[in-house]
Protein backbone atom coordinates (compact mmCIF):
# COMPACT_ATOMS: atom_id res chain seq x y z
CA MET A 1 -72.25 21.91 10.44
CA LEU A 2 -73.95 21.93 13.86
CA ILE A 3 -72.96 25.52 14.64
CA SER A 4 -73.62 28.70 12.70
CA ALA A 5 -70.81 30.65 11.05
CA ASP A 6 -71.02 33.46 13.62
CA VAL A 7 -70.94 31.02 16.55
CA ASN A 8 -67.95 29.29 14.93
CA THR A 9 -66.17 32.65 14.58
CA ALA A 10 -66.92 33.62 18.18
CA LEU A 11 -65.67 30.25 19.47
CA ASN A 12 -62.45 30.65 17.47
CA GLU A 13 -61.96 34.07 19.08
CA GLN A 14 -62.41 32.45 22.48
CA ILE A 15 -59.71 29.92 21.65
CA GLY A 16 -57.37 32.88 21.22
CA HIS A 17 -58.50 34.38 24.53
CA GLU A 18 -57.89 31.08 26.34
CA PHE A 19 -54.43 30.62 24.83
CA ALA A 20 -53.62 34.26 25.69
CA ALA A 21 -54.69 33.62 29.29
CA SER A 22 -52.45 30.56 29.37
CA VAL A 23 -49.43 32.51 28.18
CA GLN A 24 -50.19 35.34 30.63
CA TYR A 25 -50.25 32.82 33.46
CA VAL A 26 -46.88 31.45 32.33
CA ALA A 27 -45.48 34.99 32.51
CA ILE A 28 -46.92 35.47 36.00
CA ALA A 29 -45.59 32.07 37.11
CA ALA A 30 -42.13 32.92 35.77
CA HIS A 31 -42.25 36.22 37.66
CA PHE A 32 -42.99 34.40 40.92
CA ASP A 33 -40.34 31.79 40.13
CA CYS A 34 -37.74 34.53 39.67
CA GLU A 35 -38.87 36.12 42.95
CA GLY A 36 -38.20 32.91 44.88
CA LEU A 37 -41.89 32.14 45.48
CA PRO A 38 -42.18 28.55 44.26
CA GLN A 39 -45.72 27.87 45.49
CA LEU A 40 -47.14 30.94 43.77
CA ALA A 41 -45.15 29.97 40.68
CA ARG A 42 -46.54 26.41 40.80
CA HIS A 43 -50.06 27.77 41.25
CA PHE A 44 -49.79 29.92 38.14
CA TYR A 45 -48.03 27.26 36.05
CA ARG A 46 -51.02 25.05 36.85
CA GLN A 47 -53.38 27.86 35.90
CA ALA A 48 -51.54 28.13 32.58
CA VAL A 49 -52.10 24.44 31.87
CA GLU A 50 -55.76 24.77 32.83
CA GLU A 51 -56.27 27.68 30.42
CA ARG A 52 -54.55 25.74 27.65
CA ASP A 53 -56.91 22.85 28.39
CA HIS A 54 -59.85 25.25 28.11
CA ALA A 55 -58.63 26.33 24.68
CA MET A 56 -58.35 22.70 23.63
CA ARG A 57 -61.93 22.03 24.80
CA PHE A 58 -63.07 24.73 22.39
CA VAL A 59 -60.95 23.26 19.60
CA LYS A 60 -62.40 19.79 20.17
CA TYR A 61 -65.94 21.16 20.33
CA ILE A 62 -65.59 23.02 17.03
CA VAL A 63 -64.14 19.91 15.37
CA ASP A 64 -66.94 17.73 16.78
CA ALA A 65 -69.55 20.26 15.61
CA ASP A 66 -68.07 20.09 12.10
CA GLY A 67 -66.93 23.69 12.30
CA ARG A 68 -63.67 25.20 11.20
CA VAL A 69 -60.90 25.88 13.70
CA GLU A 70 -58.99 29.09 13.05
CA ILE A 71 -56.76 30.02 15.94
CA PRO A 72 -56.15 33.75 16.07
CA ALA A 73 -52.86 35.43 16.91
CA ILE A 74 -52.46 36.22 20.58
CA PRO A 75 -50.85 39.31 22.08
CA ALA A 76 -47.63 39.16 24.04
CA PRO A 77 -48.28 38.79 27.76
CA ARG A 78 -47.40 41.39 30.33
CA ALA A 79 -44.12 40.23 31.90
CA ARG A 80 -43.28 42.81 34.55
CA PHE A 81 -45.14 43.33 37.80
CA ALA A 82 -44.63 45.87 40.56
CA SER A 83 -45.67 43.40 43.24
CA ALA A 84 -47.37 40.08 43.92
CA GLU A 85 -50.60 42.00 44.37
CA ASP A 86 -50.15 43.60 40.94
CA ALA A 87 -49.70 40.17 39.28
CA VAL A 88 -52.68 38.58 41.02
CA GLN A 89 -54.83 41.68 40.42
CA LEU A 90 -54.13 41.28 36.69
CA SER A 91 -55.12 37.62 36.97
CA LEU A 92 -58.42 38.48 38.62
CA GLU A 93 -59.14 41.15 36.00
CA ASN A 94 -58.39 38.63 33.25
CA GLU A 95 -60.74 36.07 34.83
CA MET A 96 -63.47 38.71 35.01
CA THR A 97 -62.91 39.48 31.33
CA VAL A 98 -63.07 35.79 30.41
CA THR A 99 -66.33 35.51 32.37
CA LYS A 100 -67.80 38.33 30.27
CA GLN A 101 -66.55 36.61 27.10
CA ILE A 102 -68.12 33.27 28.07
CA ASN A 103 -71.37 35.06 28.96
CA ALA A 104 -71.36 36.74 25.54
CA LEU A 105 -70.86 33.34 23.88
CA MET A 106 -73.81 31.99 25.86
CA ASP A 107 -75.91 35.00 24.81
CA LEU A 108 -75.04 34.30 21.18
CA ALA A 109 -75.89 30.61 21.51
CA ILE A 110 -79.25 31.53 23.07
CA LYS A 111 -79.91 34.08 20.33
CA ARG A 112 -79.20 31.41 17.67
CA ASN A 113 -81.23 28.74 19.52
CA ASP A 114 -78.04 26.71 19.49
CA HIS A 115 -78.79 24.29 22.31
CA ILE A 116 -75.75 22.13 21.67
CA THR A 117 -73.40 25.08 22.15
CA ARG A 118 -75.41 26.26 25.16
CA ASN A 119 -74.92 22.85 26.74
CA PHE A 120 -71.20 22.93 25.95
CA LEU A 121 -70.82 26.40 27.47
CA GLU A 122 -72.53 25.45 30.74
CA TRP A 123 -69.29 23.85 31.93
CA PHE A 124 -67.39 27.09 31.29
CA ILE A 125 -70.03 29.17 33.10
CA ASN A 126 -69.54 27.02 36.21
CA GLU A 127 -65.76 26.98 35.79
CA GLN A 128 -65.62 30.78 35.69
CA LEU A 129 -67.34 31.04 39.06
CA GLU A 130 -64.59 28.86 40.52
CA GLU A 131 -61.83 30.75 38.69
CA VAL A 132 -63.00 34.21 39.77
CA SER A 133 -63.69 33.11 43.32
CA SER A 134 -60.30 31.42 43.82
CA MET A 135 -58.37 34.33 42.26
CA ASP A 136 -60.31 36.84 44.37
CA THR A 137 -59.48 34.82 47.50
CA LEU A 138 -55.79 34.68 46.58
CA LEU A 139 -55.73 38.43 45.96
CA ARG A 140 -57.37 39.13 49.32
CA MET A 141 -54.85 36.85 51.04
CA ILE A 142 -51.92 38.63 49.37
CA ARG A 143 -53.33 42.03 50.29
CA ARG A 144 -53.78 40.92 53.90
CA ALA A 145 -50.28 39.40 54.08
CA GLY A 146 -48.54 42.26 52.29
CA GLU A 147 -45.27 41.85 50.42
CA LYS A 148 -43.44 40.99 53.64
CA GLY A 149 -45.94 38.25 54.44
CA LEU A 150 -45.83 36.38 51.16
CA LEU A 151 -44.22 33.38 52.85
CA PHE A 152 -47.52 32.92 54.72
CA VAL A 153 -49.28 32.76 51.33
CA GLU A 154 -46.61 30.33 50.14
CA SER A 155 -47.25 28.15 53.18
CA TYR A 156 -51.00 28.25 52.63
CA LEU A 157 -50.64 27.28 48.97
CA ALA A 158 -48.28 24.43 49.84
CA GLN A 159 -50.73 23.10 52.44
CA HIS A 160 -53.75 23.68 50.21
CA ARG A 161 -52.02 21.85 47.36
CA LYS A 162 -51.23 18.92 49.62
CA VAL A 163 -54.85 18.71 50.80
CA HIS A 164 -56.01 19.03 47.20
CA ASP A 165 -53.53 16.43 45.95
CA ASP A 166 -54.63 14.01 48.70
CA ALA A 167 -58.31 14.40 47.83
CA PRO A 168 -59.96 11.69 45.75
CA PRO A 169 -59.92 12.47 42.02
CA VAL A 170 -62.90 14.28 40.57
CA GLU A 171 -64.10 12.90 37.28
CA GLN A 172 -64.00 15.48 34.52
CA GLU A 173 -65.92 15.70 31.30
CA SER A 174 -64.03 14.95 28.14
């Protein structure tokens, strides 16, 4: 086994956190879908897929490191939101929590002199900067627009998605 038992346990816990984030994003996306905000819904459905992919990266890493995958139970997501701001604020808080979790994993890998896991976690460290930054920007936009200006946010997301979709593909690690 290339990883220690405590690193294996911590990585399994993170799998649960990533799957929980995915399900929470589905709940947020469904909320926006029901509110007639298709671009916000699409944004959060995509976030849900991304979080699921993060969980699967951890699964694959544990398997490759000859560890044992044990996926923990995940809590039910919050499904009701007072406003768009409330939903996106929860998303930002969750991304901040995930950042702390990834940092704690890195601290553990450093403590164990586990350079393979440190290398693996580098991608997540960089990813969390992007996740927190983009969610913070979205929250600030929603606050600026207010509930009555959400169609401006919808328009921005539609345009941003089009620009993003038209951009050349970025090669990702496997």
